[in-house]
């Protein structure tokens, strides 16, 4: 699809609008649970854009749950004062997938603010590498993200650093093999065409953690 990147960007722009409204309505605040935030965001997405479908489970992580990567299902926590929270939502907009992740700090803890800022900062450094070297493999980019995290004083928290994104459901085109993830065992160039001879599009995700303090941050969006 020649217009696929434009459609994916349009879907992400709506996801970004949703997240801005989450902030303006103060949905993430001390005293509410992860589940309550999740339900509030679900209702807000429907209200703003008529979004009812998501291509992956909706993630809200607070406090020590921010250590956990996507596949885990930790117990429901309540947001505390001076807490750190991240959201990872994959809405479907007009049958195009978005995948958007952001971190929020409740309060003014400087260390948590730096942790949140670094996941965003390192994301753009990772994207720059892909722009300069589009034939990079998933394994090479994953290793690079791990080294970025370590150089910044953090640990990389996820088993992957991103994945394919596309027309829903993108799995029908390419399955769930490791080659569809920015994964340490993916030795295929990221600019390789898919089985339909079309360009593939990638989400990069940066998950940073401090296991000693039991906190993490997350930043995710489409790589352009």
C-alpha atoms as a PDB file:
ATOM      1  CA  UNK A   1       0.000   0.000   0.000  1.00  0.00           C
ATOM      2  CA  UNK A   2       1.688   3.162  -1.193  1.00  0.00           C
ATOM      3  CA  UNK A   3      -0.171   5.276   1.341  1.00  0.00           C
ATOM      4  CA  UNK A   4       0.447   2.993   4.306  1.00  0.00           C
ATOM      5  CA  UNK A   5       2.940   5.246   6.072  1.00  0.00           C
ATOM      6  CA  UNK A   6       0.582   8.206   5.733  1.00  0.00           C
ATOM      7  CA  UNK A   7      -2.264   6.157   7.215  1.00  0.00           C
ATOM      8  CA  UNK A   8      -0.073   4.937  10.067  1.00  0.00           C
ATOM      9  CA  UNK A   9       1.080   8.474  10.838  1.00  0.00           C
ATOM     10  CA  UNK A  10      -2.537   9.664  10.822  1.00  0.00           C
ATOM     11  CA  UNK A  11      -3.453   6.899  13.273  1.00  0.00           C
ATOM     12  CA  UNK A  12      -0.552   7.847  15.520  1.00  0.00           C
ATOM     13  CA  UNK A  13      -1.517  11.521  15.443  1.00  0.00           C
ATOM     14  CA  UNK A  14      -4.901  10.585  16.887  1.00  0.00           C
ATOM     15  CA  UNK A  15      -3.199   8.456  19.534  1.00  0.00           C
ATOM     16  CA  UNK A  16      -1.043  11.464  20.409  1.00  0.00           C
ATOM     17  CA  UNK A  17      -4.174  13.593  20.672  1.00  0.00           C
ATOM     18  CA  UNK A  18      -5.672  11.038  23.027  1.00  0.00           C
ATOM     19  CA  UNK A  19      -2.610  11.136  25.265  1.00  0.00           C
ATOM     20  CA  UNK A  20      -2.636  14.937  25.359  1.00  0.00           C
ATOM     21  CA  UNK A  21      -6.240  14.817  26.508  1.00  0.00           C
ATOM     22  CA  UNK A  22      -5.304  12.270  29.178  1.00  0.00           C
ATOM     23  CA  UNK A  23      -2.914  14.876  30.559  1.00  0.00           C
ATOM     24  CA  UNK A  24      -5.335  17.786  30.315  1.00  0.00           C
ATOM     25  CA  UNK A  25      -8.035  15.838  32.162  1.00  0.00           C
ATOM     26  CA  UNK A  26      -5.589  14.790  34.900  1.00  0.00           C
ATOM     27  CA  UNK A  27      -6.507  11.133  34.510  1.00  0.00           C
ATOM     28  CA  UNK A  28      -3.112  10.026  35.850  1.00  0.00           C
ATOM     29  CA  UNK A  29      -2.967  11.140  39.478  1.00  0.00           C
ATOM     30  CA  UNK A  30      -2.287   9.822  42.949  1.00  0.00           C
ATOM     31  CA  UNK A  31      -5.037   7.720  44.470  1.00  0.00           C
ATOM     32  CA  UNK A  32      -6.349   6.055  41.310  1.00  0.00           C
ATOM     33  CA  UNK A  33      -5.569   2.487  40.324  1.00  0.00           C
ATOM     34  CA  UNK A  34      -4.007   1.269  37.099  1.00  0.00           C
ATOM     35  CA  UNK A  35      -7.313  -0.395  36.231  1.00  0.00           C
ATOM     36  CA  UNK A  36      -9.241   2.840  36.808  1.00  0.00           C
ATOM     37  CA  UNK A  37      -6.832   4.737  34.552  1.00  0.00           C
ATOM     38  CA  UNK A  38      -7.158   2.029  31.915  1.00  0.00           C
ATOM     39  CA  UNK A  39     -10.949   2.218  31.981  1.00  0.00           C
ATOM     40  CA  UNK A  40     -10.923   6.033  31.902  1.00  0.00           C
ATOM     41  CA  UNK A  41      -8.628   6.064  28.859  1.00  0.00           C
ATOM     42  CA  UNK A  42     -10.796   3.474  27.100  1.00  0.00           C
ATOM     43  CA  UNK A  43     -13.878   5.676  27.593  1.00  0.00           C
ATOM     44  CA  UNK A  44     -11.990   8.804  26.544  1.00  0.00           C
ATOM     45  CA  UNK A  45     -10.730   7.184  23.328  1.00  0.00           C
ATOM     46  CA  UNK A  46     -14.286   6.230  22.434  1.00  0.00           C
ATOM     47  CA  UNK A  47     -15.514   9.728  23.272  1.00  0.00           C
ATOM     48  CA  UNK A  48     -12.853  11.510  21.210  1.00  0.00           C
ATOM     49  CA  UNK A  49     -12.375   9.220  18.224  1.00  0.00           C
ATOM     50  CA  UNK A  50     -14.886   6.376  18.475  1.00  0.00           C
ATOM     51  CA  UNK A  51     -12.063   3.947  19.239  1.00  0.00           C
ATOM     52  CA  UNK A  52     -13.401   0.627  20.505  1.00  0.00           C
ATOM     53  CA  UNK A  53     -10.803  -1.819  19.180  1.00  0.00           C
ATOM     54  CA  UNK A  54      -7.196  -2.337  20.231  1.00  0.00           C
ATOM     55  CA  UNK A  55      -4.790  -4.695  18.565  1.00  0.00           C
ATOM     56  CA  UNK A  56      -2.981  -5.507  21.816  1.00  0.00           C
ATOM     57  CA  UNK A  57      -3.865  -5.400  25.502  1.00  0.00           C
ATOM     58  CA  UNK A  58      -4.000  -1.942  27.052  1.00  0.00           C
ATOM     59  CA  UNK A  59      -1.080  -1.356  29.416  1.00  0.00           C
ATOM     60  CA  UNK A  60      -1.010   0.933  32.448  1.00  0.00           C
ATOM     61  CA  UNK A  61       1.955   0.427  34.781  1.00  0.00           C
ATOM     62  CA  UNK A  62       2.628   2.336  38.013  1.00  0.00           C
ATOM     63  CA  UNK A  63       5.410   2.189  40.590  1.00  0.00           C
ATOM     64  CA  UNK A  64       7.264  -1.113  40.683  1.00  0.00           C
ATOM     65  CA  UNK A  65       5.028  -2.441  37.907  1.00  0.00           C
ATOM     66  CA  UNK A  66       6.958  -0.170  35.526  1.00  0.00           C
ATOM     67  CA  UNK A  67       9.712  -2.793  35.695  1.00  0.00           C
ATOM     68  CA  UNK A  68       7.498  -5.307  33.909  1.00  0.00           C
ATOM     69  CA  UNK A  69       7.590  -5.708  30.117  1.00  0.00           C
ATOM     70  CA  UNK A  70       4.486  -6.156  27.989  1.00  0.00           C
ATOM     71  CA  UNK A  71       4.009  -9.907  28.341  1.00  0.00           C
ATOM     72  CA  UNK A  72       3.741  -9.844  32.119  1.00  0.00           C
ATOM     73  CA  UNK A  73       0.524  -9.200  34.043  1.00  0.00           C
ATOM     74  CA  UNK A  74       1.425  -7.752  37.459  1.00  0.00           C
ATOM     75  CA  UNK A  75      -1.217  -7.026  40.123  1.00  0.00           C
ATOM     76  CA  UNK A  76      -3.282  -3.830  39.963  1.00  0.00           C
ATOM     77  CA  UNK A  77      -1.498  -0.991  41.811  1.00  0.00           C
ATOM     78  CA  UNK A  78      -2.672   2.403  43.033  1.00  0.00           C
ATOM     79  CA  UNK A  79      -0.738   5.468  41.865  1.00  0.00           C
ATOM     80  CA  UNK A  80       1.126   7.084  44.772  1.00  0.00           C
ATOM     81  CA  UNK A  81       2.370  10.611  45.385  1.00  0.00           C
ATOM     82  CA  UNK A  82       5.688  11.164  43.557  1.00  0.00           C
ATOM     83  CA  UNK A  83       5.028   8.062  41.451  1.00  0.00           C
ATOM     84  CA  UNK A  84       6.002   7.124  37.908  1.00  0.00           C
ATOM     85  CA  UNK A  85       3.465   5.694  35.454  1.00  0.00           C
ATOM     86  CA  UNK A  86       3.605   4.587  31.845  1.00  0.00           C
ATOM     87  CA  UNK A  87       0.894   3.855  29.310  1.00  0.00           C
ATOM     88  CA  UNK A  88       1.126   1.622  26.231  1.00  0.00           C
ATOM     89  CA  UNK A  89      -1.964   1.607  24.025  1.00  0.00           C
ATOM     90  CA  UNK A  90      -2.482   0.095  20.574  1.00  0.00           C
ATOM     91  CA  UNK A  91      -5.694   1.593  19.181  1.00  0.00           C
ATOM     92  CA  UNK A  92      -7.081   0.692  15.772  1.00  0.00           C
ATOM     93  CA  UNK A  93      -8.196   3.712  13.755  1.00  0.00           C
ATOM     94  CA  UNK A  94     -10.012   3.021  10.494  1.00  0.00           C
ATOM     95  CA  UNK A  95      -8.343  -0.419  10.440  1.00  0.00           C
ATOM     96  CA  UNK A  96      -4.846   1.031  10.849  1.00  0.00           C
ATOM     97  CA  UNK A  97      -2.823   0.232  13.933  1.00  0.00           C
ATOM     98  CA  UNK A  98      -1.171   2.728  16.208  1.00  0.00           C
ATOM     99  CA  UNK A  99       1.114   1.882  19.104  1.00  0.00           C
ATOM    100  CA  UNK A 100       1.923   4.694  21.461  1.00  0.00           C
ATOM    101  CA  UNK A 101       3.694   4.724  24.807  1.00  0.00           C
ATOM    102  CA  UNK A 102       4.519   7.541  27.183  1.00  0.00           C
ATOM    103  CA  UNK A 103       5.724   7.968  30.774  1.00  0.00           C
ATOM    104  CA  UNK A 104       4.302  10.357  33.350  1.00  0.00           C
ATOM    105  CA  UNK A 105       5.749  11.468  36.660  1.00  0.00           C
ATOM    106  CA  UNK A 106       3.280  12.337  39.414  1.00  0.00           C
ATOM    107  CA  UNK A 107       5.102  15.001  41.401  1.00  0.00           C
ATOM    108  CA  UNK A 108       8.546  16.504  40.913  1.00  0.00           C
ATOM    109  CA  UNK A 109      11.019  13.745  41.739  1.00  0.00           C
ATOM    110  CA  UNK A 110      14.102  14.739  39.718  1.00  0.00           C
ATOM    111  CA  UNK A 111      15.397  11.183  39.315  1.00  0.00           C
ATOM    112  CA  UNK A 112      12.080   9.920  37.967  1.00  0.00           C
ATOM    113  CA  UNK A 113      11.798  12.919  35.679  1.00  0.00           C
ATOM    114  CA  UNK A 114      15.242  12.089  34.263  1.00  0.00           C
ATOM    115  CA  UNK A 115      14.262   8.445  33.822  1.00  0.00           C
ATOM    116  CA  UNK A 116      11.139   9.483  31.921  1.00  0.00           C
ATOM    117  CA  UNK A 117      13.031  12.007  29.796  1.00  0.00           C
ATOM    118  CA  UNK A 118      15.780   9.533  28.931  1.00  0.00           C
ATOM    119  CA  UNK A 119      13.416   6.977  27.408  1.00  0.00           C
ATOM    120  CA  UNK A 120      12.237   9.675  25.000  1.00  0.00           C
ATOM    121  CA  UNK A 121      15.749  11.016  24.341  1.00  0.00           C
ATOM    122  CA  UNK A 122      17.177   7.579  23.597  1.00  0.00           C
ATOM    123  CA  UNK A 123      14.244   6.756  21.328  1.00  0.00           C
ATOM    124  CA  UNK A 124      15.234   9.556  18.969  1.00  0.00           C
ATOM    125  CA  UNK A 125      18.868   8.448  19.011  1.00  0.00           C
ATOM    126  CA  UNK A 126      17.767   4.924  18.063  1.00  0.00           C
ATOM    127  CA  UNK A 127      15.568   6.243  15.263  1.00  0.00           C
ATOM    128  CA  UNK A 128      18.473   8.302  13.935  1.00  0.00           C
ATOM    129  CA  UNK A 129      20.568   5.139  13.616  1.00  0.00           C
ATOM    130  CA  UNK A 130      17.822   3.471  11.569  1.00  0.00           C
ATOM    131  CA  UNK A 131      17.534   6.536   9.345  1.00  0.00           C
ATOM    132  CA  UNK A 132      21.270   6.477   8.686  1.00  0.00           C
ATOM    133  CA  UNK A 133      21.428   2.699   8.254  1.00  0.00           C
ATOM    134  CA  UNK A 134      18.044   1.427   6.994  1.00  0.00           C
ATOM    135  CA  UNK A 135      19.473  -2.047   6.324  1.00  0.00           C
ATOM    136  CA  UNK A 136      20.273  -2.549  10.008  1.00  0.00           C
ATOM    137  CA  UNK A 137      18.998  -5.842  11.420  1.00  0.00           C
ATOM    138  CA  UNK A 138      16.617  -6.145  14.327  1.00  0.00           C
ATOM    139  CA  UNK A 139      19.368  -7.760  16.388  1.00  0.00           C
ATOM    140  CA  UNK A 140      21.783  -4.907  15.699  1.00  0.00           C
ATOM    141  CA  UNK A 141      19.228  -2.284  16.672  1.00  0.00           C
ATOM    142  CA  UNK A 142      18.291  -4.194  19.817  1.00  0.00           C
ATOM    143  CA  UNK A 143      21.934  -4.365  20.907  1.00  0.00           C
ATOM    144  CA  UNK A 144      22.295  -0.662  20.178  1.00  0.00           C
ATOM    145  CA  UNK A 145      19.284   0.170  22.361  1.00  0.00           C
ATOM    146  CA  UNK A 146      20.682  -1.943  25.187  1.00  0.00           C
ATOM    147  CA  UNK A 147      24.009  -0.109  24.957  1.00  0.00           C
ATOM    148  CA  UNK A 148      22.255   3.276  24.865  1.00  0.00           C
ATOM    149  CA  UNK A 149      20.449   2.401  28.076  1.00  0.00           C
ATOM    150  CA  UNK A 150      23.627   1.233  29.785  1.00  0.00           C
ATOM    151  CA  UNK A 151      25.602   4.295  28.698  1.00  0.00           C
ATOM    152  CA  UNK A 152      22.865   6.491  30.182  1.00  0.00           C
ATOM    153  CA  UNK A 153      23.077   4.650  33.509  1.00  0.00           C
ATOM    154  CA  UNK A 154      20.005   2.448  33.134  1.00  0.00           C
ATOM    155  CA  UNK A 155      19.173  -1.129  32.237  1.00  0.00           C
ATOM    156  CA  UNK A 156      17.152  -1.952  29.132  1.00  0.00           C
ATOM    157  CA  UNK A 157      13.973  -3.511  30.449  1.00  0.00           C
ATOM    158  CA  UNK A 158      12.401  -5.278  27.492  1.00  0.00           C
ATOM    159  CA  UNK A 159      13.095  -8.483  25.546  1.00  0.00           C
ATOM    160  CA  UNK A 160      12.421  -6.499  22.358  1.00  0.00           C
ATOM    161  CA  UNK A 161      12.989  -2.893  21.261  1.00  0.00           C
ATOM    162  CA  UNK A 162      10.055  -2.737  18.866  1.00  0.00           C
ATOM    163  CA  UNK A 163       7.994  -4.556  16.260  1.00  0.00           C
ATOM    164  CA  UNK A 164       6.131  -4.275  12.993  1.00  0.00           C
ATOM    165  CA  UNK A 165       3.062  -2.058  12.652  1.00  0.00           C
ATOM    166  CA  UNK A 166       0.563  -1.962   9.832  1.00  0.00           C
ATOM    167  CA  UNK A 167      -2.947  -2.481   8.559  1.00  0.00           C
ATOM    168  CA  UNK A 168      -4.946  -4.462  11.110  1.00  0.00           C
ATOM    169  CA  UNK A 169      -4.173  -7.260  11.678  1.00  0.00           C
ATOM    170  CA  UNK A 170      -0.560  -7.048  10.590  1.00  0.00           C
ATOM    171  CA  UNK A 171       0.115 -10.553  11.967  1.00  0.00           C
ATOM    172  CA  UNK A 172      -1.861 -12.058   9.079  1.00  0.00           C
ATOM    173  CA  UNK A 173       0.805 -10.862   6.678  1.00  0.00           C
ATOM    174  CA  UNK A 174       3.903 -11.918   8.547  1.00  0.00           C
ATOM    175  CA  UNK A 175       2.991 -14.074  11.540  1.00  0.00           C
ATOM    176  CA  UNK A 176       4.639 -13.859  14.939  1.00  0.00           C
ATOM    177  CA  UNK A 177       8.212 -14.862  14.099  1.00  0.00           C
ATOM    178  CA  UNK A 178      11.148 -13.135  15.782  1.00  0.00           C
ATOM    179  CA  UNK A 179      11.965 -11.523  12.437  1.00  0.00           C
ATOM    180  CA  UNK A 180       8.957  -9.262  12.994  1.00  0.00           C
ATOM    181  CA  UNK A 181      10.463  -7.857  16.181  1.00  0.00           C
ATOM    182  CA  UNK A 182      13.475  -5.752  17.075  1.00  0.00           C
ATOM    183  CA  UNK A 183      14.810  -8.793  18.842  1.00  0.00           C
ATOM    184  CA  UNK A 184      18.299 -10.150  19.600  1.00  0.00           C
ATOM    185  CA  UNK A 185      17.638 -13.134  17.310  1.00  0.00           C
ATOM    186  CA  UNK A 186      16.327 -11.141  14.344  1.00  0.00           C
ATOM    187  CA  UNK A 187      19.152 -11.090  11.805  1.00  0.00           C
ATOM    188  CA  UNK A 188      17.014  -9.790   8.931  1.00  0.00           C
ATOM    189  CA  UNK A 189      17.409  -6.249   7.611  1.00  0.00           C
ATOM    190  CA  UNK A 190      14.633  -4.008   8.823  1.00  0.00           C
ATOM    191  CA  UNK A 191      14.131  -2.597   5.326  1.00  0.00           C
ATOM    192  CA  UNK A 192      13.454  -6.015   3.800  1.00  0.00           C
ATOM    193  CA  UNK A 193      10.097  -6.076   2.001  1.00  0.00           C
ATOM    194  CA  UNK A 194       7.270  -8.162   3.429  1.00  0.00           C
ATOM    195  CA  UNK A 195       5.816 -11.295   1.833  1.00  0.00           C
ATOM    196  CA  UNK A 196       3.573  -9.088  -0.322  1.00  0.00           C
ATOM    197  CA  UNK A 197       6.555  -7.148  -1.675  1.00  0.00           C
ATOM    198  CA  UNK A 198       5.647  -4.066   0.345  1.00  0.00           C
ATOM    199  CA  UNK A 199       7.702  -1.865   2.625  1.00  0.00           C
ATOM    200  CA  UNK A 200       7.433  -2.780   6.290  1.00  0.00           C
ATOM    201  CA  UNK A 201       6.985  -0.166   9.006  1.00  0.00           C
ATOM    202  CA  UNK A 202       8.398  -0.367  12.491  1.00  0.00           C
ATOM    203  CA  UNK A 203       7.603   0.747  16.003  1.00  0.00           C
ATOM    204  CA  UNK A 204      10.625   1.457  18.210  1.00  0.00           C
ATOM    205  CA  UNK A 205      10.128   1.103  21.955  1.00  0.00           C
ATOM    206  CA  UNK A 206      12.528   2.078  24.715  1.00  0.00           C
ATOM    207  CA  UNK A 207      11.965   0.579  28.170  1.00  0.00           C
ATOM    208  CA  UNK A 208      14.454   1.743  30.801  1.00  0.00           C
ATOM    209  CA  UNK A 209      14.585   0.394  34.344  1.00  0.00           C
ATOM    210  CA  UNK A 210      16.339   0.908  37.652  1.00  0.00           C
ATOM    211  CA  UNK A 211      15.891  -2.447  39.366  1.00  0.00           C
ATOM    212  CA  UNK A 212      17.333  -1.202  42.655  1.00  0.00           C
ATOM    213  CA  UNK A 213      14.672   1.499  43.023  1.00  0.00           C
ATOM    214  CA  UNK A 214      12.076  -0.654  41.230  1.00  0.00           C
ATOM    215  CA  UNK A 215      11.057   1.957  38.667  1.00  0.00           C
ATOM    216  CA  UNK A 216      11.031   2.176  34.895  1.00  0.00           C
ATOM    217  CA  UNK A 217      10.025   4.369  31.970  1.00  0.00           C
ATOM    218  CA  UNK A 218       8.729   3.680  28.479  1.00  0.00           C
ATOM    219  CA  UNK A 219       8.548   5.560  25.181  1.00  0.00           C
ATOM    220  CA  UNK A 220       7.112   4.128  21.977  1.00  0.00           C
ATOM    221  CA  UNK A 221       5.993   5.344  18.568  1.00  0.00           C
ATOM    222  CA  UNK A 222       6.429   4.705  14.854  1.00  0.00           C
ATOM    223  CA  UNK A 223       9.884   5.161  13.346  1.00  0.00           C
ATOM    224  CA  UNK A 224       9.798   7.510  10.364  1.00  0.00           C
END
